[in-house]
Amino acid sequence: MITGKNIDLREIEASDAEFVLSLRLDPELNTHLSVVEDDLDKQKEWIKKSKLNKQEWYFIVQNKQQQPVGTIRIYDIKGDSFCWGSWIIVPEARRYASFESAILLYQYAFFQLGFNKTHFDVRKNNLKVLNFHLRLGAVVIEENEQDFFMTFTKEDFCNKEQEYIEIIDKILLNTRKGI
């Protein structure tokens, strides 16, 4: 379990397949994701295989009442770099879970797993996610017709980590105030 202030990340289980599938099949949430088949058994098998892969970490994002509110995953390890994605947060939890889930994932990948950078792609038309990464400090290193390919280093994260923590504290305060 990776413990945050507003949310926690816990290792995914096959029993989470129904929740994951509901996210992946939701047309409001899956616009920028790869297509999956509406098959609960296949989703359970995919999760089981993922858990066996020692080069992959897949988490359920849950609120402090232990209710699942999203997913996030580390995969595609290349030397000292990791890719992350499968990042889906239910709309009602985005205000408090999106930012912190990304920061918790970076802290885990950089400080617990020992990676020095991340590589990932963002669909060009996914402007909210693109702007999120740019605000954090990620840089575009390449692009094609469909995607921006980005990177973000541990050093860059460390230079702004205190700022990220202050943002999470503000989110927590606003959440408690009902803002």
Foldseek 3Di string as FASTA:
>chain_A
DQDDDFKGWDFDALVCLVVLLVQCPDPVRPVFHDHDDSDSVVSSVVSVVQVVDPQKTKTFIAGPVRHGFAIKMWHDDDPLEIEIDSTTGHPVCCLQGRLVVVLSVLCCSCPVVNHFKYKYKDFPVPVVVVVVCVVLPWDFDDDDPTITIIMDGPVSCVVCVVVSVVVNVVSSVCVVVVD
